[in-house]
């Protein structure tokens, strides 16, 4: 998979300069350009639309001050993507979603689907079967293109840790889904 392409839409220098000067219209244009990519990244990691929206709002509020420090060493979208990923991981820490023993229930796959292709819905449902930390590693590595070195920095752990989490998560995704509890209950009748 390739990183979210919306983050790689080029940002015109005049918009960047306007935002650095505090021009509301420049911030609005930046928000419109990167809002969807930011929301999708947060949603894929968190699995909850409300929490994803909170992260996006937080990032764009912080962006108002942070943009003055943007040095242009990386494309603006890549820099913003890192801000969104970090804010998303911070949200997971705040909500104590790090415990790999707790599976997130299959949150409404239809929430993300919004009329999209069935394969995307199935992929979303598979991701939601992973524990939160494993889902974050899979999304950031496989979808967003983060390296194991970058993941190690994000999580404050070693590269081998992220490799191990990714390998276990991908292995788990390749396993057939367990029979739902309701179906098992009726099968016994």
Protein backbone atom coordinates (compact mmCIF):
# COMPACT_ATOMS: atom_id res chain seq x y z
CA UNK A 1 0.00 0.00 0.00
CA UNK A 2 1.08 3.58 -0.49
CA UNK A 3 0.90 6.40 2.02
CA UNK A 4 -2.25 8.52 2.08
CA UNK A 5 -1.90 10.53 -1.09
CA UNK A 6 -3.78 13.57 0.25
CA UNK A 7 -0.85 14.28 2.57
CA UNK A 8 1.37 14.56 -0.48
CA UNK A 9 -0.66 17.19 -2.26
CA UNK A 10 1.78 20.06 -2.73
CA UNK A 11 1.22 23.19 -0.67
CA UNK A 12 1.65 26.46 -2.49
CA UNK A 13 4.32 28.70 -0.93
CA UNK A 14 1.89 31.64 -0.67
CA UNK A 15 -0.48 29.54 1.47
CA UNK A 16 2.36 28.53 3.74
CA UNK A 17 3.56 32.12 4.07
CA UNK A 18 0.02 33.34 4.70
CA UNK A 19 -0.52 30.73 7.41
CA UNK A 20 2.78 31.67 9.04
CA UNK A 21 1.54 35.27 9.14
CA UNK A 22 -1.70 34.11 10.78
CA UNK A 23 -4.04 34.65 7.82
CA UNK A 24 -7.32 32.84 8.50
CA UNK A 25 -7.98 32.21 4.79
CA UNK A 26 -4.63 30.42 4.43
CA UNK A 27 -5.38 28.20 7.43
CA UNK A 28 -8.82 27.45 6.04
CA UNK A 29 -7.33 26.40 2.70
CA UNK A 30 -4.76 24.18 4.45
CA UNK A 31 -7.51 22.64 6.59
CA UNK A 32 -9.67 21.90 3.54
CA UNK A 33 -6.73 20.35 1.70
CA UNK A 34 -5.51 18.04 4.51
CA UNK A 35 -8.60 17.47 6.67
CA UNK A 36 -9.73 14.26 4.99
CA UNK A 37 -6.27 12.62 4.99
CA UNK A 38 -5.82 13.58 8.64
CA UNK A 39 -9.21 12.17 9.62
CA UNK A 40 -8.66 8.94 7.66
CA UNK A 41 -5.29 8.32 9.31
CA UNK A 42 -6.68 8.94 12.80
CA UNK A 43 -9.76 6.81 12.07
CA UNK A 44 -7.74 3.86 10.76
CA UNK A 45 -5.61 3.83 13.89
CA UNK A 46 -8.26 4.64 16.51
CA UNK A 47 -11.26 2.92 14.94
CA UNK A 48 -13.62 5.52 16.38
CA UNK A 49 -14.93 8.43 14.27
CA UNK A 50 -15.52 10.70 17.27
CA UNK A 51 -12.01 10.21 18.61
CA UNK A 52 -10.56 10.67 15.12
CA UNK A 53 -12.41 13.96 14.74
CA UNK A 54 -11.12 15.10 18.15
CA UNK A 55 -7.55 14.32 17.05
CA UNK A 56 -7.98 16.26 13.80
CA UNK A 57 -9.34 19.29 15.65
CA UNK A 58 -6.50 19.14 18.16
CA UNK A 59 -3.89 18.90 15.40
CA UNK A 60 -5.24 21.85 13.44
CA UNK A 61 -5.48 23.98 16.58
CA UNK A 62 -1.85 23.13 17.39
CA UNK A 63 -0.93 23.75 13.76
CA UNK A 64 -1.83 27.41 14.20
CA UNK A 65 1.29 27.90 16.38
CA UNK A 66 3.41 25.02 15.10
CA UNK A 67 3.41 26.16 11.47
CA UNK A 68 5.77 29.00 12.38
CA UNK A 69 8.37 26.35 13.25
CA UNK A 70 7.96 24.40 9.99
CA UNK A 71 11.42 24.49 8.42
CA UNK A 72 10.59 22.85 5.11
CA UNK A 73 13.07 19.98 5.51
CA UNK A 74 10.28 17.61 4.48
CA UNK A 75 7.17 18.30 2.40
CA UNK A 76 4.47 20.06 4.42
CA UNK A 77 2.06 17.12 4.11
CA UNK A 78 4.64 14.67 5.47
CA UNK A 79 5.28 17.00 8.40
CA UNK A 80 1.53 17.29 9.07
CA UNK A 81 1.11 13.50 8.71
CA UNK A 82 3.69 13.06 11.48
CA UNK A 83 1.77 15.52 13.67
CA UNK A 84 -1.47 13.57 13.09
CA UNK A 85 0.19 10.21 13.77
CA UNK A 86 1.77 11.49 16.98
CA UNK A 87 -1.50 13.05 18.16
CA UNK A 88 -3.31 9.80 17.38
CA UNK A 89 -0.80 7.78 19.41
CA UNK A 90 -1.09 10.33 22.24
CA UNK A 91 -4.87 9.84 22.18
CA UNK A 92 -4.41 6.08 22.45
CA UNK A 93 -2.12 6.59 25.45
CA UNK A 94 -4.58 9.00 27.11
CA UNK A 95 -7.39 6.49 26.71
CA UNK A 96 -5.16 3.65 27.81
CA UNK A 97 -5.75 1.73 24.57
CA UNK A 98 -2.28 0.22 24.69
CA UNK A 99 -3.24 -3.00 26.41
CA UNK A 100 -2.78 -5.65 23.72
CA UNK A 101 -4.89 -8.09 25.72
CA UNK A 102 -8.03 -6.05 25.02
CA UNK A 103 -9.56 -6.46 21.59
CA UNK A 104 -11.54 -3.58 20.21
CA UNK A 105 -14.96 -4.82 19.19
CA UNK A 106 -15.72 -4.69 15.53
CA UNK A 107 -16.75 -1.05 15.48
CA UNK A 108 -19.24 -0.35 12.79
CA UNK A 109 -17.35 -1.02 9.60
CA UNK A 110 -20.11 0.79 7.84
CA UNK A 111 -19.10 4.03 9.58
CA UNK A 112 -15.95 4.12 7.54
CA UNK A 113 -17.39 2.55 4.44
CA UNK A 114 -19.73 5.39 3.50
CA UNK A 115 -20.72 3.56 0.33
CA UNK A 116 -17.19 2.44 -0.52
CA UNK A 117 -16.30 -0.85 -2.09
CA UNK A 118 -16.97 -4.05 -0.12
CA UNK A 119 -13.26 -4.97 -0.01
CA UNK A 120 -12.52 -1.78 1.92
CA UNK A 121 -15.22 -2.66 4.44
CA UNK A 122 -13.74 -6.14 4.86
CA UNK A 123 -10.24 -4.69 5.31
CA UNK A 124 -11.59 -2.27 7.91
CA UNK A 125 -13.32 -5.09 9.79
CA UNK A 126 -10.08 -7.11 9.78
CA UNK A 127 -8.12 -4.16 11.16
CA UNK A 128 -10.69 -3.69 13.90
CA UNK A 129 -10.05 -7.25 15.10
CA UNK A 130 -6.51 -6.28 16.04
CA UNK A 131 -5.63 -4.91 19.46
CA UNK A 132 -5.13 -1.12 19.34
CA UNK A 133 -1.32 -1.08 19.42
CA UNK A 134 -1.06 -3.74 16.74
CA UNK A 135 -3.58 -1.87 14.59
CA UNK A 136 -1.55 1.33 14.97
CA UNK A 137 1.64 -0.44 13.87
CA UNK A 138 -0.07 -2.06 10.86
CA UNK A 139 -1.69 1.18 9.71
CA UNK A 140 1.40 3.31 10.19
CA UNK A 141 3.74 0.79 8.55
CA UNK A 142 1.62 -0.83 5.85
CA UNK A 143 -0.69 2.05 4.93
CA UNK A 144 1.22 5.21 5.83
CA UNK A 145 4.67 3.90 4.93
CA UNK A 146 6.43 4.45 8.25
CA UNK A 147 9.73 2.63 8.65
CA UNK A 148 10.48 0.49 11.68
CA UNK A 149 12.93 3.16 12.79
CA UNK A 150 10.17 5.79 12.67
CA UNK A 151 7.80 3.47 14.51
CA UNK A 152 10.42 2.87 17.19
CA UNK A 153 10.67 6.64 17.67
CA UNK A 154 6.87 7.03 17.82
CA UNK A 155 6.41 4.28 20.37
CA UNK A 156 9.63 4.92 22.29
CA UNK A 157 10.64 1.29 21.80
CA UNK A 158 13.11 -0.66 19.67
CA UNK A 159 12.85 -1.39 15.95
CA UNK A 160 12.71 -5.10 16.73
CA UNK A 161 9.64 -4.45 18.88
CA UNK A 162 7.73 -2.86 15.99
CA UNK A 163 8.86 -5.65 13.65
CA UNK A 164 7.61 -8.22 16.12
CA UNK A 165 4.24 -6.50 16.62
CA UNK A 166 3.82 -6.14 12.86
CA UNK A 167 4.68 -9.79 12.18
CA UNK A 168 2.24 -11.02 14.83
CA UNK A 169 -0.50 -8.69 13.60
CA UNK A 170 -0.10 -9.70 9.96
CA UNK A 171 -0.10 -13.36 10.96
CA UNK A 172 -3.29 -12.77 12.94
CA UNK A 173 -4.92 -11.00 9.98
CA UNK A 174 -4.22 -14.04 7.79
CA UNK A 175 -6.00 -16.39 10.20
CA UNK A 176 -9.66 -17.14 9.53
CA UNK A 177 -12.01 -15.12 11.71
CA UNK A 178 -13.43 -16.94 14.73
CA UNK A 179 -17.06 -17.90 14.49
CA UNK A 180 -19.19 -15.13 16.00
CA UNK A 181 -20.63 -15.87 19.43
CA UNK A 182 -24.24 -15.56 18.27
CA UNK A 183 -23.72 -18.15 15.52
CA UNK A 184 -22.08 -20.53 18.01
CA UNK A 185 -25.02 -20.13 20.39
CA UNK A 186 -27.59 -20.98 17.72
CA UNK A 187 -25.51 -23.86 16.38
CA UNK A 188 -25.91 -25.62 19.75
CA UNK A 189 -29.74 -25.37 19.71
